[in-house]
Amino acid sequence: MTIACLDINDSNLQLWHGDKRLQSPGYALLEDGQYRFGNTARAAARLRPREVSTRHWWQLSTDPLQPALGPARHSADLVHAHLRALHSEAGNPAELVLAAPGSMRKEQLALLLGIIQQCPFDAVGLVNRSVALASLYATDGPLFHLEIQLHQALLSELRAEHGKVTFLRATALPGSGLLQLQERVVEAAASAFIRQTRFDPRRRAETEQQLYDALPAALQLLQQSNETSLTVNGYHARIARSDLRAASESLAGSVSSTLGQPGTTLLLDPLAALLPGLQERVAGTLLQAADLPRALAAHEDLLVQRTEALVFVASLPQLLGERSGDTAPAAAVTTAVPAPPPQPTHLLRDSRARPLQTGGTSLGDGWSLVRGQNDSWQLHAASGAGALEHNGQPGADSAPVASGDRLRLADGTETLLITVSA
């Protein structure tokens, strides 16, 4: 799909353009009279809470901003600035297809399109993100899609019948947004530090921010093992998956009570995988990060509207070869433009994750990971480097790597490349 696509979920806005995939959580930071967004703003949330806002996408309107944040008059100003920043970082695509959640009201969608008219790009498509994602899966009857936004979880009810999937309604699940879930996880992690080291990372803003920054990698590791370690300000604490299960209990209960009848199909946004125990309580199919751009590419002819006013598309044909009752990716999805393999952000070794460094990350024995073209990662072998296996095959200098690749040195040291999502 040559047209860029924007996934509007404020827990992690994503923009795909060509081989670029940008991720920008819905945080806004006022710094030196200028706004910064995404991960930069999130990294200051505990250090400068009065200079950070997280509500501009959730409460998109022209009501006066409360509390005030610099020159922005209302949340629409912050959304405009956030869109401009994302657009510039993505290489200034001329056209965007927007995938919006069912929680956005008609007046918010209209305001969003009005904001985009003041931006240096055109919106040429607008679709319900739950419908687009569900169109990839072969199923009949009622189905639900769970997405976790910053301030609430959202359960969208859809219906798949006669080869078409249609949006019916969305139910907000208050108290189960990413920020609330994160607080519960932080409380459990801080309790582990206090029990094991008598150090409370929440006592100072600097160490509390370190704890928040360390959580994504720790939750990623807990998908693969029952225990991991956290390091804050030189203190180390062991965290078990069971320690964090309580954080998602209320969300699981809300989802189960809303689903009601057994046998209902449930699709889960990838973020759900980071919540220990959630998938065990609410059985569902975990969506993949590349599903949305794949679906939008497959439906491009139906979604792109250049010569008329945009219509919010809330119904799409299922991408089916032969329809089945299995909740599996439909066969026709292979006709979509394949998304590039996910780029790693960390290397996992001895149950510990270490972020990849832009200046190069040593693997040992003369091997390292370095930045290649288009911000991808590749192997680099210094003169006299030893043997290295790359996914069971001999490693090669300048060979590209992707998340999920396994690297093994001659001494048996193994490294797994992983992606820690925002």
Protein backbone atom coordinates (compact mmCIF):
# COMPACT_ATOMS: atom_id res chain seq x y z
CA MET A 1 0.00 0.00 0.00
CA THR A 2 1.68 3.20 -1.17
CA ILE A 3 -0.74 5.33 0.84
CA ALA A 4 0.32 5.78 4.46
CA CYS A 5 -1.99 4.41 7.14
CA LEU A 6 -2.54 5.71 10.67
CA ASP A 7 -3.83 3.49 13.47
CA ILE A 8 -5.53 5.73 16.04
CA ASN A 9 -5.23 4.00 19.40
CA ASP A 10 -3.79 6.48 21.89
CA SER A 11 -1.96 3.82 23.89
CA ASN A 12 0.27 3.51 20.81
CA LEU A 13 -0.52 5.49 17.67
CA GLN A 14 1.13 3.80 14.69
CA LEU A 15 1.84 5.16 11.24
CA TRP A 16 3.03 2.98 8.37
CA HIS A 17 4.57 4.57 5.28
CA GLY A 18 6.56 2.42 2.90
CA ASP A 19 9.02 0.44 5.00
CA LYS A 20 8.63 2.75 7.99
CA ARG A 21 6.56 1.92 11.05
CA LEU A 22 6.35 4.72 13.61
CA GLN A 23 5.00 4.26 17.12
CA SER A 24 3.94 7.23 19.20
CA PRO A 25 1.90 6.83 22.41
CA GLY A 26 -0.57 9.64 23.04
CA TYR A 27 1.58 11.73 25.38
CA ALA A 28 2.27 15.45 24.86
CA LEU A 29 5.11 17.25 26.67
CA LEU A 30 5.61 21.02 26.84
CA GLU A 31 9.35 21.67 26.82
CA ASP A 32 10.97 25.06 26.28
CA GLY A 33 7.77 26.38 24.74
CA GLN A 34 7.61 23.51 22.21
CA TYR A 35 5.55 20.33 22.17
CA ARG A 36 7.12 16.89 22.06
CA PHE A 37 5.08 13.74 21.61
CA GLY A 38 5.23 9.99 21.95
CA ASN A 39 8.02 8.17 23.76
CA THR A 40 9.92 11.37 24.54
CA ALA A 41 6.89 12.77 26.34
CA ARG A 42 6.12 9.51 28.08
CA ALA A 43 9.67 9.36 29.47
CA ALA A 44 8.96 12.64 31.31
CA ALA A 45 5.53 11.69 32.68
CA ARG A 46 6.77 10.99 36.23
CA LEU A 47 9.48 13.62 36.20
CA ARG A 48 7.33 16.56 35.06
CA PRO A 49 3.68 15.51 35.37
CA ARG A 50 2.35 19.09 35.14
CA GLU A 51 3.97 19.50 31.73
CA VAL A 52 2.57 16.26 30.25
CA SER A 53 -0.91 15.59 28.87
CA THR A 54 -2.39 12.21 27.90
CA ARG A 55 -6.00 13.16 27.17
CA HIS A 56 -5.91 14.96 23.82
CA TRP A 57 -6.95 11.96 21.71
CA TRP A 58 -9.40 10.54 24.24
CA GLN A 59 -11.13 13.90 24.85
CA LEU A 60 -10.74 15.38 21.36
CA SER A 61 -12.81 18.59 21.32
CA THR A 62 -12.62 22.35 21.13
CA ASP A 63 -13.43 22.81 24.81
CA PRO A 64 -10.82 24.84 26.74
CA LEU A 65 -7.93 22.65 27.78
CA GLN A 66 -8.04 21.81 31.50
CA PRO A 67 -5.47 22.05 32.90
CA ALA A 68 -3.77 24.38 30.43
CA LEU A 69 -0.63 23.22 28.66
CA GLY A 70 1.26 26.01 26.94
CA PRO A 71 -0.24 27.83 23.94
CA ALA A 72 -2.71 25.04 23.02
CA ARG A 73 -6.27 26.27 23.41
CA HIS A 74 -7.88 22.84 23.44
CA SER A 75 -7.17 19.17 22.79
CA ALA A 76 -7.73 19.70 19.05
CA ASP A 77 -4.61 21.89 18.97
CA LEU A 78 -2.56 19.11 20.55
CA VAL A 79 -3.94 16.51 18.12
CA HIS A 80 -3.05 18.82 15.24
CA ALA A 81 0.53 19.22 16.53
CA HIS A 82 0.83 15.46 17.16
CA LEU A 83 -0.33 14.67 13.62
CA ARG A 84 2.13 17.19 12.16
CA ALA A 85 5.00 15.65 14.15
CA LEU A 86 4.11 12.10 13.06
CA HIS A 87 3.70 13.18 9.43
CA SER A 88 7.11 14.84 9.38
CA GLU A 89 8.82 11.85 11.04
CA ALA A 90 7.22 9.49 8.50
CA GLY A 91 8.73 11.34 5.55
CA ASN A 92 5.77 13.62 4.69
CA PRO A 93 3.38 11.20 2.95
CA ALA A 94 0.84 12.98 0.76
CA GLU A 95 -2.14 10.75 1.65
CA LEU A 96 -3.29 8.85 4.74
CA VAL A 97 -5.95 6.24 5.41
CA LEU A 98 -7.17 6.52 9.01
CA ALA A 99 -8.26 3.60 11.18
CA ALA A 100 -10.26 4.96 14.12
CA PRO A 101 -11.70 3.21 17.19
CA GLY A 102 -15.43 2.79 17.75
CA SER A 103 -15.16 5.04 20.80
CA MET A 104 -14.73 8.14 18.63
CA ARG A 105 -18.07 9.92 18.32
CA LYS A 106 -19.35 11.38 15.05
CA GLU A 107 -18.53 14.92 16.14
CA GLN A 108 -14.99 13.85 17.08
CA LEU A 109 -14.48 12.22 13.68
CA ALA A 110 -15.76 15.36 11.98
CA LEU A 111 -13.41 17.49 14.09
CA LEU A 112 -10.50 15.17 13.26
CA LEU A 113 -11.15 15.56 9.53
CA GLY A 114 -11.36 19.32 10.00
CA ILE A 115 -7.98 19.27 11.77
CA ILE A 116 -6.47 17.28 8.91
CA GLN A 117 -7.64 19.92 6.44
CA GLN A 118 -5.15 22.21 8.18
CA CYS A 119 -2.33 19.65 7.79
CA PRO A 120 0.05 19.18 4.83
CA PHE A 121 -1.53 15.86 3.82
CA ASP A 122 -4.92 14.53 2.74
CA ALA A 123 -7.10 11.95 4.47
CA VAL A 124 -8.35 9.68 1.69
CA GLY A 125 -9.94 6.94 3.80
CA LEU A 126 -11.58 6.48 7.20
CA VAL A 127 -12.45 3.06 8.62
CA ASN A 128 -13.40 1.48 11.92
CA ARG A 129 -10.20 -0.21 13.06
CA SER A 130 -12.05 -3.16 14.63
CA VAL A 131 -13.86 -3.91 11.37
CA ALA A 132 -10.63 -3.75 9.37
CA LEU A 133 -8.86 -6.14 11.75
CA ALA A 134 -11.78 -8.56 11.99
CA SER A 135 -12.08 -8.77 8.19
CA LEU A 136 -8.85 -10.80 8.17
CA TYR A 137 -10.37 -13.64 10.19
CA ALA A 138 -12.66 -16.38 8.96
CA THR A 139 -15.60 -16.71 11.32
CA ASP A 140 -19.40 -16.44 11.38
CA GLY A 141 -21.69 -14.95 13.98
CA PRO A 142 -20.99 -12.49 16.81
CA LEU A 143 -17.44 -11.51 17.53
CA PHE A 144 -15.73 -8.95 19.74
CA HIS A 145 -12.52 -6.96 19.56
CA LEU A 146 -10.70 -5.83 22.72
CA GLU A 147 -8.41 -2.82 22.49
CA ILE A 148 -6.66 -1.14 25.40
CA GLN A 149 -6.51 2.63 25.14
CA LEU A 150 -4.68 4.93 27.55
CA HIS A 151 -7.72 5.78 29.71
CA GLN A 152 -10.10 2.91 29.05
CA ALA A 153 -10.39 -0.49 27.49
CA LEU A 154 -12.86 -0.79 24.61
CA LEU A 155 -14.83 -3.86 23.65
CA SER A 156 -16.27 -3.54 20.15
CA GLU A 157 -19.10 -5.85 19.15
CA LEU A 158 -19.17 -6.94 15.51
CA ARG A 159 -21.11 -9.39 13.42
CA ALA A 160 -19.74 -11.57 10.65
CA GLU A 161 -22.30 -13.02 8.26
CA HIS A 162 -22.78 -13.50 4.51
CA GLY A 163 -19.08 -12.83 3.93
CA LYS A 164 -19.16 -9.40 5.59
CA VAL A 165 -18.12 -8.04 8.99
CA THR A 166 -20.04 -5.09 10.45
CA PHE A 167 -19.54 -2.88 13.50
CA LEU A 168 -22.51 -2.92 15.91
CA ARG A 169 -21.52 -1.06 19.07
CA ALA A 170 -18.60 -0.28 21.39
CA THR A 171 -18.59 -0.66 25.17
CA ALA A 172 -16.09 1.32 27.22
CA LEU A 173 -14.58 -0.51 30.20
CA PRO A 174 -13.59 2.28 32.62
CA GLY A 175 -10.71 1.72 35.03
CA SER A 176 -9.02 -0.69 32.62
CA GLY A 177 -7.04 1.67 30.44
CA LEU A 178 -3.32 1.25 29.99
CA LEU A 179 -2.55 3.93 32.57
CA GLN A 180 -4.65 2.23 35.25
CA LEU A 181 -3.31 -1.23 34.41
CA GLN A 182 0.20 0.15 34.49
CA GLU A 183 -0.38 1.60 37.97
CA ARG A 184 -1.38 -1.81 39.28
CA VAL A 185 1.66 -3.44 37.74
CA VAL A 186 3.92 -0.73 39.19
CA GLU A 187 2.38 -1.21 42.63
CA ALA A 188 3.11 -4.93 42.51
CA ALA A 189 6.66 -4.36 41.24
CA ALA A 190 7.35 -1.71 43.87
CA SER A 191 6.11 -4.09 46.58
CA ALA A 192 8.63 -6.66 45.36
CA PHE A 193 11.45 -4.09 45.68
CA ILE A 194 10.37 -3.20 49.20
CA ARG A 195 10.13 -6.85 50.29
CA GLN A 196 13.44 -7.85 48.77
CA THR A 197 15.59 -4.74 49.16
CA ARG A 198 13.68 -2.30 51.42
CA PHE A 199 14.00 0.21 48.58
CA ASP A 200 10.82 1.91 47.37
CA PRO A 201 11.31 3.22 43.80
CA ARG A 202 8.16 5.33 44.08
CA ARG A 203 9.61 7.66 46.69
CA ARG A 204 11.46 9.79 44.14
CA ALA A 205 10.26 10.88 40.71
CA GLU A 206 13.55 9.86 39.09
CA THR A 207 13.46 6.27 40.33
CA GLU A 208 9.72 5.97 39.75
CA GLN A 209 10.31 6.94 36.11
CA GLN A 210 13.08 4.33 35.89
CA LEU A 211 10.61 1.71 37.10
CA TYR A 212 8.03 2.73 34.49
CA ASP A 213 10.68 2.69 31.77
CA ALA A 214 11.79 -0.82 32.76
CA LEU A 215 8.29 -2.32 32.68
CA PRO A 216 7.80 -2.97 28.92
CA ALA A 217 10.91 -5.15 28.63
CA ALA A 218 10.04 -6.99 31.87
CA LEU A 219 6.50 -7.74 30.67
CA GLN A 220 7.89 -8.95 27.35
CA LEU A 221 10.20 -11.34 29.18
CA LEU A 222 7.36 -12.64 31.34
CA GLN A 223 5.63 -13.89 28.20
CA GLN A 224 8.47 -16.41 27.88
CA SER A 225 9.34 -17.21 31.49
CA ASN A 226 7.68 -17.28 34.89
CA GLU A 227 10.13 -14.85 36.46
CA THR A 228 12.38 -11.96 35.54
CA SER A 229 14.39 -9.24 37.25
CA LEU A 230 14.07 -5.47 37.40
CA THR A 231 16.88 -3.02 38.13
CA VAL A 232 16.21 0.47 39.44
CA ASN A 233 18.90 2.81 40.77
CA GLY A 234 21.25 -0.13 41.35
CA TYR A 235 18.68 -2.21 43.25
CA HIS A 236 17.56 -5.56 41.86
CA ALA A 237 14.24 -7.33 42.46
CA ARG A 238 12.83 -10.59 41.12
CA ILE A 239 9.32 -10.35 39.70
CA ALA A 240 7.17 -13.41 39.06
CA ARG A 241 4.37 -13.55 36.54
CA SER A 242 2.03 -14.57 39.35
CA ASP A 243 2.87 -11.31 41.19
CA LEU A 244 1.26 -9.32 38.37
CA ARG A 245 -1.81 -11.42 37.57
CA ALA A 246 -4.06 -9.35 39.82
CA ALA A 247 -3.47 -6.27 37.66
CA SER A 248 -5.69 -7.61 34.87
CA GLU A 249 -8.38 -9.29 37.01
CA SER A 250 -10.94 -6.49 36.78
CA LEU A 251 -10.44 -6.18 33.01
CA ALA A 252 -10.85 -9.94 32.56
CA GLY A 253 -14.03 -9.87 34.66
CA SER A 254 -15.50 -6.98 32.65
CA VAL A 255 -14.74 -8.69 29.34
CA SER A 256 -16.17 -12.03 30.45
CA SER A 257 -19.41 -10.47 31.73
CA THR A 258 -19.86 -8.46 28.53
CA LEU A 259 -19.23 -11.40 26.22
CA GLY A 260 -21.91 -13.44 27.93
CA GLN A 261 -22.61 -16.46 25.75
CA PRO A 262 -19.86 -19.10 25.44
CA GLY A 263 -18.26 -19.70 22.06
CA THR A 264 -18.14 -16.03 21.10
CA THR A 265 -15.07 -15.10 19.07
CA LEU A 266 -12.76 -12.57 20.75
CA LEU A 267 -9.90 -10.75 19.00
CA LEU A 268 -7.24 -9.18 21.24
CA ASP A 269 -4.95 -6.29 20.34
CA PRO A 270 -1.24 -7.20 20.72
CA LEU A 271 -0.97 -5.13 23.91
CA ALA A 272 -3.12 -7.72 25.67
CA ALA A 273 -0.23 -10.20 25.47
CA LEU A 274 1.79 -8.04 27.88
CA LEU A 275 -0.79 -8.37 30.68
CA PRO A 276 0.10 -11.50 32.68
CA GLY A 277 -2.82 -13.88 32.97
CA LEU A 278 -5.29 -12.00 30.77
CA GLN A 279 -5.24 -14.51 27.93
CA GLU A 280 -5.65 -17.34 30.41
CA ARG A 281 -8.85 -15.77 31.74
CA VAL A 282 -10.36 -14.59 28.45
CA ALA A 283 -9.56 -17.01 25.66
CA GLY A 284 -9.15 -15.16 22.40
CA THR A 285 -7.10 -14.81 19.23
CA LEU A 286 -4.14 -12.47 19.58
CA LEU A 287 -3.85 -10.02 16.70
CA GLN A 288 -0.46 -9.24 15.16
CA ALA A 289 1.13 -5.82 14.70
CA ALA A 290 1.14 -6.20 10.91
CA ASP A 291 -2.56 -7.11 10.69
CA LEU A 292 -3.88 -3.57 10.31
CA PRO A 293 -1.70 -2.38 7.40
CA ARG A 294 -2.28 -5.75 5.75
CA ALA A 295 -6.06 -5.34 6.03
CA LEU A 296 -6.01 -1.74 4.79
CA ALA A 297 -3.87 -2.73 1.81
CA ALA A 298 -6.27 -5.53 0.90
CA HIS A 299 -9.29 -3.19 1.11
CA GLU A 300 -7.62 -0.18 -0.53
CA ASP A 301 -10.07 -0.04 -3.45
CA LEU A 302 -13.02 0.13 -1.04
CA LEU A 303 -11.50 2.56 1.43
CA VAL A 304 -9.86 5.25 -0.69
CA GLN A 305 -12.28 8.14 -1.42
CA ARG A 306 -10.52 10.99 -3.19
CA THR A 307 -13.35 12.64 -5.10
CA GLU A 308 -16.05 12.84 -2.43
CA ALA A 309 -16.57 13.56 1.25
CA LEU A 310 -15.10 10.82 3.43
CA VAL A 311 -17.53 8.25 4.79
CA PHE A 312 -16.66 6.36 7.97
CA VAL A 313 -16.53 2.75 6.76
CA ALA A 314 -18.05 0.45 9.39
CA SER A 315 -18.59 -2.66 7.26
CA LEU A 316 -16.19 -4.60 5.05
CA PRO A 317 -16.17 -7.91 3.19
CA GLN A 318 -14.28 -10.71 4.85
CA LEU A 319 -11.09 -11.61 3.01
CA LEU A 320 -12.03 -15.25 2.53
CA GLY A 321 -11.09 -17.97 0.13
CA GLU A 322 -13.47 -20.56 1.50
CA ARG A 323 -15.37 -19.47 4.58
CA SER A 324 -14.86 -21.48 7.73
CA GLY A 325 -15.78 -21.34 11.36
CA ASP A 326 -12.16 -21.20 12.47
CA THR A 327 -10.80 -17.97 13.82
CA ALA A 328 -7.75 -18.10 11.60
CA PRO A 329 -6.32 -15.57 9.18
CA ALA A 330 -8.27 -15.80 5.93
CA ALA A 331 -6.51 -17.30 2.92
CA ALA A 332 -7.06 -14.25 0.74
CA VAL A 333 -4.96 -12.15 3.09
CA THR A 334 -1.90 -13.34 1.18
CA THR A 335 -2.89 -11.02 -1.66
CA ALA A 336 -2.15 -8.00 0.53
CA VAL A 337 1.20 -6.26 0.39
CA PRO A 338 3.27 -8.02 3.08
CA ALA A 339 4.42 -5.89 5.98
CA PRO A 340 8.15 -5.73 6.61
CA PRO A 341 9.46 -8.00 9.39
CA PRO A 342 9.41 -6.32 12.80
CA GLN A 343 12.63 -4.64 13.79
CA PRO A 344 14.18 -5.74 17.10
CA THR A 345 14.58 -3.24 19.93
CA HIS A 346 16.30 -5.46 22.55
CA LEU A 347 18.45 -8.56 22.77
CA LEU A 348 17.47 -11.21 25.31
CA ARG A 349 20.25 -13.18 26.97
CA ASP A 350 20.21 -15.14 30.24
CA SER A 351 16.61 -13.99 30.88
CA ARG A 352 17.63 -10.32 30.73
CA ALA A 353 16.76 -7.83 28.01
CA ARG A 354 19.26 -5.23 26.85
CA PRO A 355 18.29 -2.39 24.48
CA LEU A 356 20.08 -2.21 21.15
CA GLN A 357 22.40 0.80 20.95
CA THR A 358 22.43 3.02 17.87
CA GLY A 359 26.23 3.09 18.00
CA GLY A 360 26.41 -0.71 17.83
CA THR A 361 25.68 -3.55 20.27
CA SER A 362 28.34 -6.16 20.96
CA LEU A 363 27.37 -9.83 20.80
CA GLY A 364 30.84 -11.14 21.68
CA ASP A 365 33.60 -13.00 19.83
CA GLY A 366 33.97 -10.19 17.28
CA TRP A 367 30.29 -9.94 16.36
CA SER A 368 27.94 -7.00 16.87
CA LEU A 369 24.62 -5.58 15.71
CA VAL A 370 24.75 -2.30 13.80
CA ARG A 371 22.27 -0.03 12.06
CA GLY A 372 21.79 -0.70 8.35
CA GLN A 373 19.70 1.07 5.76
CA ASN A 374 16.17 2.27 6.61
CA ASP A 375 16.93 1.99 10.33
CA SER A 376 17.12 -1.81 10.07
CA TRP A 377 19.62 -3.91 12.04
CA GLN A 378 22.29 -6.18 10.61
CA LEU A 379 25.17 -8.36 11.75
CA HIS A 380 28.71 -7.03 11.70
CA ALA A 381 31.78 -9.26 11.90
CA ALA A 382 35.08 -7.70 12.91
CA SER A 383 38.37 -9.04 11.57
CA GLY A 384 39.06 -12.43 13.13
CA ALA A 385 35.50 -12.92 14.38
CA GLY A 386 34.61 -16.44 15.50
CA ALA A 387 31.78 -18.62 14.25
CA LEU A 388 28.17 -17.54 14.73
CA GLU A 389 24.90 -19.29 13.93
CA HIS A 390 21.98 -17.19 12.71
CA ASN A 391 18.73 -19.15 13.07
CA GLY A 392 20.73 -22.38 12.84
CA GLN A 393 22.67 -21.32 9.74
CA PRO A 394 26.18 -19.83 9.50
CA GLY A 395 26.04 -16.10 10.20
CA ALA A 396 27.26 -13.64 7.59
CA ASP A 397 28.65 -10.13 7.84
CA SER A 398 26.01 -7.50 6.89
CA ALA A 399 23.17 -10.06 7.04
CA PRO A 400 19.88 -8.40 8.09
CA VAL A 401 18.20 -9.53 11.30
CA ALA A 402 14.61 -9.33 12.53
CA SER A 403 12.73 -9.75 15.77
CA GLY A 404 12.56 -13.43 16.73
CA ASP A 405 15.96 -14.31 15.23
CA ARG A 406 18.25 -16.51 17.33
CA LEU A 407 22.02 -16.01 17.39
CA ARG A 408 24.48 -18.51 18.84
CA LEU A 409 28.22 -18.00 19.38
CA ALA A 410 30.79 -20.80 19.22
CA ASP A 411 30.97 -20.91 23.05
CA GLY A 412 27.24 -21.70 23.21
CA THR A 413 26.08 -18.22 24.21
CA GLU A 414 22.58 -17.71 22.79
CA THR A 415 20.81 -14.44 22.08
CA LEU A 416 17.18 -13.89 21.09
CA LEU A 417 16.22 -10.65 19.34
CA ILE A 418 12.91 -9.25 20.57
CA THR A 419 10.70 -6.24 20.00
CA VAL A 420 9.48 -4.38 23.07
CA SER A 421 6.40 -2.43 21.98
CA ALA A 422 5.65 1.02 23.24
